[in-house]
Amino acid sequence: MELRDENSRYRAYLEQRKLDEQRQQIELDRILQAELDRQNAKRLEKLHAEKDKRTKLLHEVIEGRQQQLIERSIILFFLHNQLITLFS
């Protein structure tokens, strides 16, 4: 009888240990997932910031090129008018 009671207590102890380990694993998984989510959010924020910087730079380059083309057109217009004046 005593051996049976001891065996029953030991099984109950093992079952409790198993439940405790499962709870610990669930908590560890939750902590790990929270950390992964935080890192992913940080990475996405960095990617968005880099994309915004590239987009802004592209717009600046395009605007600069457009300004160059406008200035070139103006210069060509004046040169053309001067040539016309010279040969008229």
PDB file of N, CA and C in Angstrom:
ATOM      1  N   MET A   1       0.824  -1.189   0.000  1.00  0.00           N
ATOM      2  CA  MET A   1       0.000   0.000   0.000  1.00  0.00           C
ATOM      3  C   MET A   1       0.873   1.259   0.000  1.00  0.00           C
ATOM      4  N   GLU A   2       1.855   1.284   0.830  1.00  0.00           N
ATOM      5  CA  GLU A   2       2.740   2.434   0.919  1.00  0.00           C
ATOM      6  C   GLU A   2       3.483   2.647  -0.390  1.00  0.00           C
ATOM      7  N   LEU A   3       3.905   1.569  -1.024  1.00  0.00           N
ATOM      8  CA  LEU A   3       4.603   1.654  -2.310  1.00  0.00           C
ATOM      9  C   LEU A   3       3.664   2.209  -3.374  1.00  0.00           C
ATOM     10  N   ARG A   4       2.419   1.771  -3.314  1.00  0.00           N
ATOM     11  CA  ARG A   4       1.432   2.257  -4.278  1.00  0.00           C
ATOM     12  C   ARG A   4       1.187   3.757  -4.077  1.00  0.00           C
ATOM     13  N   ASP A   5       1.079   4.189  -2.838  1.00  0.00           N
ATOM     14  CA  ASP A   5       0.888   5.617  -2.543  1.00  0.00           C
ATOM     15  C   ASP A   5       2.099   6.420  -3.013  1.00  0.00           C
ATOM     16  N   GLU A   6       3.282   5.896  -2.766  1.00  0.00           N
ATOM     17  CA  GLU A   6       4.502   6.585  -3.191  1.00  0.00           C
ATOM     18  C   GLU A   6       4.564   6.658  -4.713  1.00  0.00           C
ATOM     19  N   ASN A   7       4.191   5.563  -5.339  1.00  0.00           N
ATOM     20  CA  ASN A   7       4.166   5.531  -6.811  1.00  0.00           C
ATOM     21  C   ASN A   7       3.145   6.540  -7.348  1.00  0.00           C
ATOM     22  N   SER A   8       2.016   6.640  -6.716  1.00  0.00           N
ATOM     23  CA  SER A   8       0.973   7.580  -7.133  1.00  0.00           C
ATOM     24  C   SER A   8       1.448   9.021  -6.935  1.00  0.00           C
ATOM     25  N   ARG A   9       2.081   9.307  -5.798  1.00  0.00           N
ATOM     26  CA  ARG A   9       2.616  10.646  -5.546  1.00  0.00           C
ATOM     27  C   ARG A   9       3.700  10.996  -6.574  1.00  0.00           C
ATOM     28  N   TYR A  10       4.521  10.017  -6.903  1.00  0.00           N
ATOM     29  CA  TYR A  10       5.589  10.265  -7.877  1.00  0.00           C
ATOM     30  C   TYR A  10       5.006  10.571  -9.251  1.00  0.00           C
ATOM     31  N   ARG A  11       3.969   9.819  -9.630  1.00  0.00           N
ATOM     32  CA  ARG A  11       3.311  10.091 -10.917  1.00  0.00           C
ATOM     33  C   ARG A  11       2.665  11.480 -10.910  1.00  0.00           C
ATOM     34  N   ALA A  12       2.072  11.845  -9.804  1.00  0.00           N
ATOM     35  CA  ALA A  12       1.468  13.174  -9.685  1.00  0.00           C
ATOM     36  C   ALA A  12       2.555  14.246  -9.775  1.00  0.00           C
ATOM     37  N   TYR A  13       3.683  13.981  -9.133  1.00  0.00           N
ATOM     38  CA  TYR A  13       4.812  14.917  -9.196  1.00  0.00           C
ATOM     39  C   TYR A  13       5.297  15.066 -10.643  1.00  0.00           C
ATOM     40  N   LEU A  14       5.450  13.927 -11.333  1.00  0.00           N
ATOM     41  CA  LEU A  14       5.899  13.966 -12.733  1.00  0.00           C
ATOM     42  C   LEU A  14       4.897  14.702 -13.610  1.00  0.00           C
ATOM     43  N   GLU A  15       3.629  14.478 -13.367  1.00  0.00           N
ATOM     44  CA  GLU A  15       2.588  15.166 -14.137  1.00  0.00           C
ATOM     45  C   GLU A  15       2.651  16.676 -13.891  1.00  0.00           C
ATOM     46  N   GLN A  16       2.860  17.051 -12.623  1.00  0.00           N
ATOM     47  CA  GLN A  16       2.977  18.476 -12.292  1.00  0.00           C
ATOM     48  C   GLN A  16       4.201  19.084 -12.963  1.00  0.00           C
ATOM     49  N   ARG A  17       5.310  18.361 -12.940  1.00  0.00           N
ATOM     50  CA  ARG A  17       6.534  18.832 -13.600  1.00  0.00           C
ATOM     51  C   ARG A  17       6.289  19.023 -15.098  1.00  0.00           C
ATOM     52  N   LYS A  18       5.600  18.076 -15.690  1.00  0.00           N
ATOM     53  CA  LYS A  18       5.283  18.156 -17.117  1.00  0.00           C
ATOM     54  C   LYS A  18       4.445  19.403 -17.402  1.00  0.00           C
ATOM     55  N   LEU A  19       3.441  19.658 -16.575  1.00  0.00           N
ATOM     56  CA  LEU A  19       2.603  20.845 -16.745  1.00  0.00           C
ATOM     57  C   LEU A  19       3.414  22.127 -16.553  1.00  0.00           C
ATOM     58  N   ASP A  20       4.285  22.129 -15.543  1.00  0.00           N
ATOM     59  CA  ASP A  20       5.135  23.299 -15.302  1.00  0.00           C
ATOM     60  C   ASP A  20       6.049  23.558 -16.498  1.00  0.00           C
ATOM     61  N   GLU A  21       6.629  22.512 -17.031  1.00  0.00           N
ATOM     62  CA  GLU A  21       7.517  22.659 -18.194  1.00  0.00           C
ATOM     63  C   GLU A  21       6.745  23.153 -19.412  1.00  0.00           C
ATOM     64  N   GLN A  22       5.524  22.664 -19.589  1.00  0.00           N
ATOM     65  CA  GLN A  22       4.702  23.135 -20.702  1.00  0.00           C
ATOM     66  C   GLN A  22       4.375  24.623 -20.541  1.00  0.00           C
ATOM     67  N   ARG A  23       4.048  25.042 -19.303  1.00  0.00           N
ATOM     68  CA  ARG A  23       3.782  26.454 -19.058  1.00  0.00           C
ATOM     69  C   ARG A  23       5.022  27.297 -19.323  1.00  0.00           C
ATOM     70  N   GLN A  24       6.176  26.805 -18.875  1.00  0.00           N
ATOM     71  CA  GLN A  24       7.421  27.530 -19.111  1.00  0.00           C
ATOM     72  C   GLN A  24       7.701  27.643 -20.603  1.00  0.00           C
ATOM     73  N   GLN A  25       7.466  26.559 -21.328  1.00  0.00           N
ATOM     74  CA  GLN A  25       7.708  26.582 -22.767  1.00  0.00           C
ATOM     75  C   GLN A  25       6.770  27.564 -23.463  1.00  0.00           C
ATOM     76  N   ILE A  26       5.524  27.591 -23.038  1.00  0.00           N
ATOM     77  CA  ILE A  26       4.560  28.537 -23.603  1.00  0.00           C
ATOM     78  C   ILE A  26       5.013  29.963 -23.333  1.00  0.00           C
ATOM     79  N   GLU A  27       5.475  30.235 -22.104  1.00  0.00           N
ATOM     80  CA  GLU A  27       5.947  31.576 -21.758  1.00  0.00           C
ATOM     81  C   GLU A  27       7.200  31.937 -22.558  1.00  0.00           C
ATOM     82  N   LEU A  28       8.123  30.995 -22.698  1.00  0.00           N
ATOM     83  CA  LEU A  28       9.325  31.243 -23.506  1.00  0.00           C
ATOM     84  C   LEU A  28       8.963  31.513 -24.962  1.00  0.00           C
ATOM     85  N   ASP A  29       8.036  30.735 -25.486  1.00  0.00           N
ATOM     86  CA  ASP A  29       7.585  30.945 -26.869  1.00  0.00           C
ATOM     87  C   ASP A  29       6.956  32.327 -27.033  1.00  0.00           C
ATOM     88  N   ARG A  30       6.175  32.749 -26.026  1.00  0.00           N
ATOM     89  CA  ARG A  30       5.541  34.066 -26.078  1.00  0.00           C
ATOM     90  C   ARG A  30       6.596  35.174 -26.057  1.00  0.00           C
ATOM     91  N   ILE A  31       7.580  35.022 -25.184  1.00  0.00           N
ATOM     92  CA  ILE A  31       8.650  36.019 -25.096  1.00  0.00           C
ATOM     93  C   ILE A  31       9.443  36.069 -26.398  1.00  0.00           C
ATOM     94  N   LEU A  32       9.758  34.898 -26.931  1.00  0.00           N
ATOM     95  CA  LEU A  32      10.500  34.833 -28.195  1.00  0.00           C
ATOM     96  C   LEU A  32       9.710  35.480 -29.324  1.00  0.00           C
ATOM     97  N   GLN A  33       8.419  35.192 -29.403  1.00  0.00           N
ATOM     98  CA  GLN A  33       7.591  35.776 -30.453  1.00  0.00           C
ATOM     99  C   GLN A  33       7.503  37.285 -30.309  1.00  0.00           C
ATOM    100  N   ALA A  34       7.389  37.763 -29.073  1.00  0.00           N
ATOM    101  CA  ALA A  34       7.337  39.205 -28.842  1.00  0.00           C
ATOM    102  C   ALA A  34       8.636  39.862 -29.300  1.00  0.00           C
ATOM    103  N   GLU A  35       9.759  39.226 -29.020  1.00  0.00           N
ATOM    104  CA  GLU A  35      11.051  39.775 -29.447  1.00  0.00           C
ATOM    105  C   GLU A  35      11.174  39.756 -30.971  1.00  0.00           C
ATOM    106  N   LEU A  36      10.734  38.670 -31.591  1.00  0.00           N
ATOM    107  CA  LEU A  36      10.761  38.595 -33.055  1.00  0.00           C
ATOM    108  C   LEU A  36       9.869  39.668 -33.669  1.00  0.00           C
ATOM    109  N   ASP A  37       8.697  39.865 -33.088  1.00  0.00           N
ATOM    110  CA  ASP A  37       7.788  40.904 -33.585  1.00  0.00           C
ATOM    111  C   ASP A  37       8.416  42.288 -33.449  1.00  0.00           C
ATOM    112  N   ARG A  38       9.088  42.535 -32.317  1.00  0.00           N
ATOM    113  CA  ARG A  38       9.734  43.827 -32.098  1.00  0.00           C
ATOM    114  C   ARG A  38      10.843  44.041 -33.119  1.00  0.00           C
ATOM    115  N   GLN A  39      11.652  43.009 -33.357  1.00  0.00           N
ATOM    116  CA  GLN A  39      12.739  43.120 -34.327  1.00  0.00           C
ATOM    117  C   GLN A  39      12.207  43.324 -35.741  1.00  0.00           C
ATOM    118  N   ASN A  40      11.134  42.608 -36.081  1.00  0.00           N
ATOM    119  CA  ASN A  40      10.533  42.773 -37.412  1.00  0.00           C
ATOM    120  C   ASN A  40       9.974  44.176 -37.594  1.00  0.00           C
ATOM    121  N   ALA A  41       9.329  44.700 -36.561  1.00  0.00           N
ATOM    122  CA  ALA A  41       8.784  46.064 -36.646  1.00  0.00           C
ATOM    123  C   ALA A  41       9.918  47.067 -36.830  1.00  0.00           C
ATOM    124  N   LYS A  42      11.002  46.872 -36.104  1.00  0.00           N
ATOM    125  CA  LYS A  42      12.153  47.764 -36.220  1.00  0.00           C
ATOM    126  C   LYS A  42      12.760  47.679 -37.623  1.00  0.00           C
ATOM    127  N   ARG A  43      12.869  46.453 -38.147  1.00  0.00           N
ATOM    128  CA  ARG A  43      13.427  46.257 -39.488  1.00  0.00           C
ATOM    129  C   ARG A  43      12.524  46.901 -40.538  1.00  0.00           C
ATOM    130  N   LEU A  44      11.216  46.721 -40.414  1.00  0.00           N
ATOM    131  CA  LEU A  44      10.279  47.322 -41.365  1.00  0.00           C
ATOM    132  C   LEU A  44      10.329  48.848 -41.307  1.00  0.00           C
ATOM    133  N   GLU A  45      10.445  49.386 -40.096  1.00  0.00           N
ATOM    134  CA  GLU A  45      10.552  50.840 -39.945  1.00  0.00           C
ATOM    135  C   GLU A  45      11.810  51.346 -40.653  1.00  0.00           C
ATOM    136  N   LYS A  46      12.902  50.622 -40.496  1.00  0.00           N
ATOM    137  CA  LYS A  46      14.156  51.014 -41.147  1.00  0.00           C
ATOM    138  C   LYS A  46      14.022  50.923 -42.675  1.00  0.00           C
ATOM    139  N   LEU A  47      13.380  49.860 -43.159  1.00  0.00           N
ATOM    140  CA  LEU A  47      13.179  49.710 -44.603  1.00  0.00           C
ATOM    141  C   LEU A  47      12.322  50.847 -45.166  1.00  0.00           C
ATOM    142  N   HIS A  48      11.256  51.203 -44.437  1.00  0.00           N
ATOM    143  CA  HIS A  48      10.395  52.306 -44.888  1.00  0.00           C
ATOM    144  C   HIS A  48      11.172  53.625 -44.922  1.00  0.00           C
ATOM    145  N   ALA A  49      11.990  53.842 -43.900  1.00  0.00           N
ATOM    146  CA  ALA A  49      12.778  55.084 -43.850  1.00  0.00           C
ATOM    147  C   ALA A  49      13.760  55.127 -45.022  1.00  0.00           C
ATOM    148  N   GLU A  50      14.402  53.998 -45.316  1.00  0.00           N
ATOM    149  CA  GLU A  50      15.342  53.950 -46.446  1.00  0.00           C
ATOM    150  C   GLU A  50      14.617  54.162 -47.767  1.00  0.00           C
ATOM    151  N   LYS A  51      13.439  53.568 -47.900  1.00  0.00           N
ATOM    152  CA  LYS A  51      12.659  53.746 -49.125  1.00  0.00           C
ATOM    153  C   LYS A  51      12.263  55.207 -49.295  1.00  0.00           C
ATOM    154  N   ASP A  52      11.835  55.831 -48.200  1.00  0.00           N
ATOM    155  CA  ASP A  52      11.468  57.253 -48.256  1.00  0.00           C
ATOM    156  C   ASP A  52      12.668  58.107 -48.667  1.00  0.00           C
ATOM    157  N   LYS A  53      13.850  57.792 -48.132  1.00  0.00           N
ATOM    158  CA  LYS A  53      15.059  58.544 -48.489  1.00  0.00           C
ATOM    159  C   LYS A  53      15.386  58.364 -49.966  1.00  0.00           C
ATOM    160  N   ARG A  54      15.285  57.131 -50.463  1.00  0.00           N
ATOM    161  CA  ARG A  54      15.565  56.879 -51.888  1.00  0.00           C
ATOM    162  C   ARG A  54      14.566  57.617 -52.774  1.00  0.00           C
ATOM    163  N   THR A  55      13.304  57.600 -52.383  1.00  0.00           N
ATOM    164  CA  THR A  55      12.270  58.290 -53.161  1.00  0.00           C
ATOM    165  C   THR A  55      12.536  59.788 -53.185  1.00  0.00           C
ATOM    166  N   LYS A  56      12.881  60.344 -52.027  1.00  0.00           N
ATOM    167  CA  LYS A  56      13.179  61.780 -51.959  1.00  0.00           C
ATOM    168  C   LYS A  56      14.385  62.108 -52.827  1.00  0.00           C
ATOM    169  N   LEU A  57      15.433  61.298 -52.758  1.00  0.00           N
ATOM    170  CA  LEU A  57      16.629  61.527 -53.561  1.00  0.00           C
ATOM    171  C   LEU A  57      16.303  61.445 -55.048  1.00  0.00           C
ATOM    172  N   LEU A  58      15.497  60.460 -55.434  1.00  0.00           N
ATOM    173  CA  LEU A  58      15.114  60.320 -56.840  1.00  0.00           C
ATOM    174  C   LEU A  58      14.378  61.570 -57.318  1.00  0.00           C
ATOM    175  N   HIS A  59      13.457  62.070 -56.496  1.00  0.00           N
ATOM    176  CA  HIS A  59      12.727  63.287 -56.870  1.00  0.00           C
ATOM    177  C   HIS A  59      13.675  64.478 -56.998  1.00  0.00           C
ATOM    178  N   GLU A  60      14.642  64.556 -56.096  1.00  0.00           N
ATOM    179  CA  GLU A  60      15.610  65.657 -56.170  1.00  0.00           C
ATOM    180  C   GLU A  60      16.438  65.559 -57.450  1.00  0.00           C
ATOM    181  N   VAL A  61      16.838  64.347 -57.809  1.00  0.00           N
ATOM    182  CA  VAL A  61      17.624  64.149 -59.034  1.00  0.00           C
ATOM    183  C   VAL A  61      16.787  64.524 -60.257  1.00  0.00           C
ATOM    184  N   ILE A  62      15.541  64.076 -60.270  1.00  0.00           N
ATOM    185  CA  ILE A  62      14.654  64.393 -61.402  1.00  0.00           C
ATOM    186  C   ILE A  62      14.435  65.901 -61.508  1.00  0.00           C
ATOM    187  N   GLU A  63      14.176  66.551 -60.372  1.00  0.00           N
ATOM    188  CA  GLU A  63      13.983  68.009 -60.391  1.00  0.00           C
ATOM    189  C   GLU A  63      15.251  68.721 -60.868  1.00  0.00           C
ATOM    190  N   GLY A  64      16.395  68.251 -60.410  1.00  0.00           N
ATOM    191  CA  GLY A  64      17.664  68.847 -60.854  1.00  0.00           C
ATOM    192  C   GLY A  64      17.864  68.684 -62.337  1.00  0.00           C
ATOM    193  N   ARG A  65      17.560  67.509 -62.840  1.00  0.00           N
ATOM    194  CA  ARG A  65      17.709  67.258 -64.284  1.00  0.00           C
ATOM    195  C   ARG A  65      16.741  68.118 -65.081  1.00  0.00           C
ATOM    196  N   GLN A  66      15.510  68.250 -64.588  1.00  0.00           N
ATOM    197  CA  GLN A  66      14.538  69.111 -65.274  1.00  0.00           C
ATOM    198  C   GLN A  66      15.023  70.556 -65.309  1.00  0.00           C
ATOM    199  N   GLN A  67      15.597  71.019 -64.201  1.00  0.00           N
ATOM    200  CA  GLN A  67      16.120  72.381 -64.154  1.00  0.00           C
ATOM    201  C   GLN A  67      17.263  72.543 -65.158  1.00  0.00           C
ATOM    202  N   GLN A  68      18.129  71.522 -65.250  1.00  0.00           N
ATOM    203  CA  GLN A  68      19.222  71.571 -66.232  1.00  0.00           C
ATOM    204  C   GLN A  68      18.674  71.670 -67.657  1.00  0.00           C
ATOM    205  N   LEU A  69      17.640  70.890 -67.944  1.00  0.00           N
ATOM    206  CA  LEU A  69      17.050  70.902 -69.287  1.00  0.00           C
ATOM    207  C   LEU A  69      16.402  72.251 -69.587  1.00  0.00           C
ATOM    208  N   ILE A  70      15.763  72.841 -68.583  1.00  0.00           N
ATOM    209  CA  ILE A  70      15.156  74.163 -68.775  1.00  0.00           C
ATOM    210  C   ILE A  70      16.242  75.193 -69.063  1.00  0.00           C
ATOM    211  N   GLU A  71      17.308  75.160 -68.263  1.00  0.00           N
ATOM    212  CA  GLU A  71      18.408  76.110 -68.463  1.00  0.00           C
ATOM    213  C   GLU A  71      19.053  75.908 -69.830  1.00  0.00           C
ATOM    214  N   ARG A  72      19.213  74.676 -70.237  1.00  0.00           N
ATOM    215  CA  ARG A  72      19.795  74.391 -71.554  1.00  0.00           C
ATOM    216  C   ARG A  72      18.889  74.916 -72.659  1.00  0.00           C
ATOM    217  N   SER A  73      17.592  74.719 -72.495  1.00  0.00           N
ATOM    218  CA  SER A  73      16.643  75.218 -73.492  1.00  0.00           C
ATOM    219  C   SER A  73      16.706  76.731 -73.597  1.00  0.00           C
ATOM    220  N   ILE A  74      16.804  77.400 -72.465  1.00  0.00           N
ATOM    221  CA  ILE A  74      16.893  78.862 -72.463  1.00  0.00           C
ATOM    222  C   ILE A  74      18.165  79.310 -73.176  1.00  0.00           C
ATOM    223  N   ILE A  75      19.290  78.669 -72.854  1.00  0.00           N
ATOM    224  CA  ILE A  75      20.560  79.011 -73.498  1.00  0.00           C
ATOM    225  C   ILE A  75      20.476  78.780 -75.004  1.00  0.00           C
ATOM    226  N   LEU A  76      19.937  77.651 -75.403  1.00  0.00           N
ATOM    227  CA  LEU A  76      19.805  77.359 -76.830  1.00  0.00           C
ATOM    228  C   LEU A  76      18.884  78.359 -77.519  1.00  0.00           C
ATOM    229  N   PHE A  77      17.816  78.764 -76.827  1.00  0.00           N
ATOM    230  CA  PHE A  77      16.902  79.747 -77.385  1.00  0.00           C
ATOM    231  C   PHE A  77      17.625  81.074 -77.636  1.00  0.00           C
ATOM    232  N   PHE A  78      18.397  81.527 -76.636  1.00  0.00           N
ATOM    233  CA  PHE A  78      19.134  82.784 -76.804  1.00  0.00           C
ATOM    234  C   PHE A  78      20.209  82.661 -77.882  1.00  0.00           C
ATOM    235  N   LEU A  79      20.910  81.548 -77.919  1.00  0.00           N
ATOM    236  CA  LEU A  79      21.913  81.346 -78.969  1.00  0.00           C
ATOM    237  C   LEU A  79      21.265  81.326 -80.350  1.00  0.00           C
ATOM    238  N   HIS A  80      20.148  80.677 -80.436  1.00  0.00           N
ATOM    239  CA  HIS A  80      19.423  80.617 -81.709  1.00  0.00           C
ATOM    240  C   HIS A  80      19.014  82.020 -82.145  1.00  0.00           C
ATOM    241  N   ASN A  81      18.477  82.793 -81.191  1.00  0.00           N
ATOM    242  CA  ASN A  81      18.081  84.179 -81.515  1.00  0.00           C
ATOM    243  C   ASN A  81      19.278  85.026 -81.914  1.00  0.00           C
ATOM    244  N   GLN A  82      20.415  84.839 -81.264  1.00  0.00           N
ATOM    245  CA  GLN A  82      21.607  85.590 -81.617  1.00  0.00           C
ATOM    246  C   GLN A  82      22.083  85.216 -83.009  1.00  0.00           C
ATOM    247  N   LEU A  83      22.043  83.939 -83.346  1.00  0.00           N
ATOM    248  CA  LEU A  83      22.440  83.502 -84.682  1.00  0.00           C
ATOM    249  C   LEU A  83      21.522  84.093 -85.748  1.00  0.00           C
ATOM    250  N   ILE A  84      20.255  84.092 -85.445  1.00  0.00           N
ATOM    251  CA  ILE A  84      19.288  84.658 -86.377  1.00  0.00           C
ATOM    252  C   ILE A  84      19.579  86.144 -86.565  1.00  0.00           C
ATOM    253  N   THR A  85      19.862  86.844 -85.457  1.00  0.00           N
ATOM    254  CA  THR A  85      20.168  88.267 -85.520  1.00  0.00           C
ATOM    255  C   THR A  85      21.447  88.503 -86.329  1.00  0.00           C
ATOM    256  N   LEU A  86      22.468  87.679 -86.115  1.00  0.00           N
ATOM    257  CA  LEU A  86      23.741  87.842 -86.822  1.00  0.00           C
ATOM    258  C   LEU A  86      23.595  87.610 -88.327  1.00  0.00           C
ATOM    259  N   PHE A  87      22.814  86.646 -88.684  1.00  0.00           N
ATOM    260  CA  PHE A  87      22.696  86.289 -90.109  1.00  0.00           C
ATOM    261  C   PHE A  87      21.485  86.922 -90.782  1.00  0.00           C
ATOM    262  N   SER A  88      20.831  87.827 -90.098  1.00  0.00           N
ATOM    263  CA  SER A  88      19.682  88.502 -90.719  1.00  0.00           C
ATOM    264  C   SER A  88      20.110  89.756 -91.412  1.00  0.00           C
TER     265      SER A  88
END
